[in-house]
Amino acid sequence: MGEWNLKAQGAIEFITLIGVFLVAFALIISALGVSTSRINSEKKDLIGEDIVNKVQKEVQLAHQVNWGYFREFSLPEKLGGKDYEISIEQNRVIVTIEGEDYWRTLQPVQGEIQKGVNVIEKREDGVYING
């Protein structure tokens, strides 16, 4: 009977040890998931901010030069493998990625911005994008 108790105790200790390892493993995987999610969110924020800053700088440059200025600039079709929307509304460039908006105020500009190649020009009566 004593030998059976030792075997049972060993089995219980083994099962307890396996349980502790499984809980530790689950906690590590959970922490990695949270960390990865945070990194992806920060990456999305950087990409969104980068695009709105790029457009803002293009418009600022066009306002600073003499009329007749003409330049092509490109915006990616996808940002970090994700689809996005871009528009200019009420002198703001707005980029929307997965429901989150990133925006910058612009000097007055006419026209519609798009993914891909855009043309910005300064005419006597103002700055135009694809207009």
Protein backbone atom coordinates (compact mmCIF):
# COMPACT_ATOMS: atom_id res chain seq x y z
CA MET A 1 0.00 0.00 0.00
CA GLY A 2 2.92 2.35 0.66
CA GLU A 3 4.32 1.84 -2.85
CA TRP A 4 0.92 2.69 -4.39
CA ASN A 5 0.75 5.94 -2.37
CA LEU A 6 4.21 6.97 -3.61
CA LYS A 7 3.20 6.33 -7.22
CA ALA A 8 -0.02 8.30 -6.75
CA GLN A 9 1.86 11.16 -5.10
CA GLY A 10 4.39 11.17 -7.97
CA ALA A 11 1.56 11.27 -10.52
CA ILE A 12 -0.14 14.16 -8.71
CA GLU A 13 3.14 16.09 -8.53
CA PHE A 14 3.74 15.46 -12.24
CA ILE A 15 0.25 16.67 -13.18
CA THR A 16 0.67 19.75 -10.95
CA LEU A 17 4.03 20.52 -12.56
CA ILE A 18 2.53 20.18 -16.05
CA GLY A 19 -0.31 22.51 -14.98
CA VAL A 20 2.15 25.12 -13.71
CA PHE A 21 4.09 24.94 -17.00
CA LEU A 22 0.88 25.30 -19.03
CA VAL A 23 -0.19 28.37 -17.03
CA ALA A 24 3.27 29.92 -17.43
CA PHE A 25 3.22 29.17 -21.17
CA ALA A 26 -0.25 30.74 -21.52
CA LEU A 27 0.90 33.88 -19.68
CA ILE A 28 3.96 34.21 -21.93
CA ILE A 29 1.88 33.78 -25.10
CA SER A 30 -0.64 36.33 -23.81
CA ALA A 31 2.12 38.86 -23.06
CA LEU A 32 3.59 38.36 -26.53
CA GLY A 33 0.17 38.89 -28.10
CA VAL A 34 -0.36 42.16 -26.22
CA SER A 35 3.13 43.33 -27.16
CA THR A 36 2.61 42.46 -30.83
CA SER A 37 -0.74 44.25 -30.86
CA ARG A 38 0.82 47.38 -29.34
CA ILE A 39 3.68 47.32 -31.86
CA ASN A 40 1.24 46.96 -34.77
CA SER A 41 -0.83 49.87 -33.47
CA GLU A 42 2.26 52.07 -33.14
CA LYS A 43 3.37 51.09 -36.65
CA LYS A 44 -0.06 52.01 -38.05
CA ASP A 45 0.11 55.37 -36.25
CA LEU A 46 3.55 56.13 -37.69
CA ILE A 47 2.46 55.23 -41.22
CA GLY A 48 -0.72 57.33 -40.98
CA GLU A 49 1.18 60.31 -39.60
CA ASP A 50 3.84 59.95 -42.30
CA ILE A 51 1.29 60.16 -45.13
CA VAL A 52 -0.54 63.22 -43.78
CA ASN A 53 2.79 64.96 -43.10
CA LYS A 54 3.93 64.24 -46.66
CA VAL A 55 0.79 65.80 -48.15
CA GLN A 56 1.00 68.78 -45.79
CA LYS A 57 4.62 69.43 -46.84
CA GLU A 58 3.73 69.19 -50.54
CA VAL A 59 0.97 71.80 -50.10
CA GLN A 60 3.22 74.07 -48.01
CA LEU A 61 5.95 73.91 -50.66
CA ALA A 62 3.49 74.76 -53.43
CA HIS A 63 2.31 77.81 -51.46
CA GLN A 64 5.89 79.03 -50.95
CA VAL A 65 6.96 79.04 -54.61
CA ASN A 66 5.93 81.19 -57.58
CA TRP A 67 2.96 80.30 -59.73
CA GLY A 68 3.76 77.88 -62.49
CA TYR A 69 5.11 75.35 -59.99
CA PHE A 70 4.25 71.77 -60.97
CA ARG A 71 5.20 68.53 -59.25
CA GLU A 72 4.15 64.90 -59.20
CA PHE A 73 4.20 62.93 -55.97
CA SER A 74 3.05 59.41 -55.19
CA LEU A 75 1.06 57.92 -52.36
CA PRO A 76 1.11 54.15 -51.83
CA GLU A 77 -1.86 51.97 -52.76
CA LYS A 78 -1.69 50.28 -49.34
CA LEU A 79 -0.11 51.27 -46.04
CA GLY A 80 1.72 48.45 -44.32
CA GLY A 81 -0.35 45.98 -46.32
CA LYS A 82 -3.59 47.61 -45.17
CA ASP A 83 -6.12 49.48 -47.25
CA TYR A 84 -6.75 53.12 -46.40
CA GLU A 85 -8.74 56.14 -47.51
CA ILE A 86 -7.38 59.63 -48.14
CA SER A 87 -9.26 62.85 -48.75
CA ILE A 88 -9.01 66.61 -48.44
CA GLU A 89 -11.93 68.21 -46.64
CA GLN A 90 -12.20 71.75 -45.24
CA ASN A 91 -8.47 72.36 -45.72
CA ARG A 92 -7.51 69.15 -43.92
CA VAL A 93 -5.88 66.06 -45.31
CA ILE A 94 -7.48 63.02 -43.68
CA VAL A 95 -6.12 59.47 -43.82
CA THR A 96 -8.33 56.70 -42.43
CA ILE A 97 -6.77 53.33 -41.59
CA GLU A 98 -8.98 50.66 -40.02
CA GLY A 99 -11.43 53.27 -38.75
CA GLU A 100 -8.76 55.56 -37.25
CA ASP A 101 -8.30 59.06 -38.66
CA TYR A 102 -5.00 60.88 -39.02
CA TRP A 103 -5.17 64.48 -40.22
CA ARG A 104 -3.27 67.70 -40.69
CA THR A 105 -4.48 71.21 -41.43
CA LEU A 106 -3.52 72.48 -44.87
CA GLN A 107 -3.18 75.88 -46.43
CA PRO A 108 -5.98 76.42 -48.96
CA VAL A 109 -5.91 73.83 -51.73
CA GLN A 110 -8.36 72.82 -54.47
CA GLY A 111 -8.95 69.38 -55.95
CA GLU A 112 -9.05 65.76 -54.90
CA ILE A 113 -6.15 63.69 -53.64
CA GLN A 114 -5.84 60.00 -54.51
CA LYS A 115 -3.70 56.94 -53.98
CA GLY A 116 -0.97 56.60 -56.57
CA VAL A 117 0.34 59.55 -58.59
CA ASN A 118 -0.88 63.04 -57.72
CA VAL A 119 -0.07 66.32 -59.46
CA ILE A 120 0.20 69.49 -57.42
CA GLU A 121 0.53 72.86 -59.09
CA LYS A 122 0.41 76.51 -58.21
CA ARG A 123 -1.61 78.71 -60.52
CA GLU A 124 -2.27 82.41 -60.35
CA ASP A 125 -5.48 81.74 -58.42
CA GLY A 126 -4.23 79.10 -55.96
CA VAL A 127 -2.81 75.64 -55.34
CA TYR A 128 -4.43 72.63 -57.00
CA ILE A 129 -4.07 68.89 -56.54
CA ASN A 130 -5.17 66.84 -59.55
CA GLY A 131 -7.18 69.80 -60.73
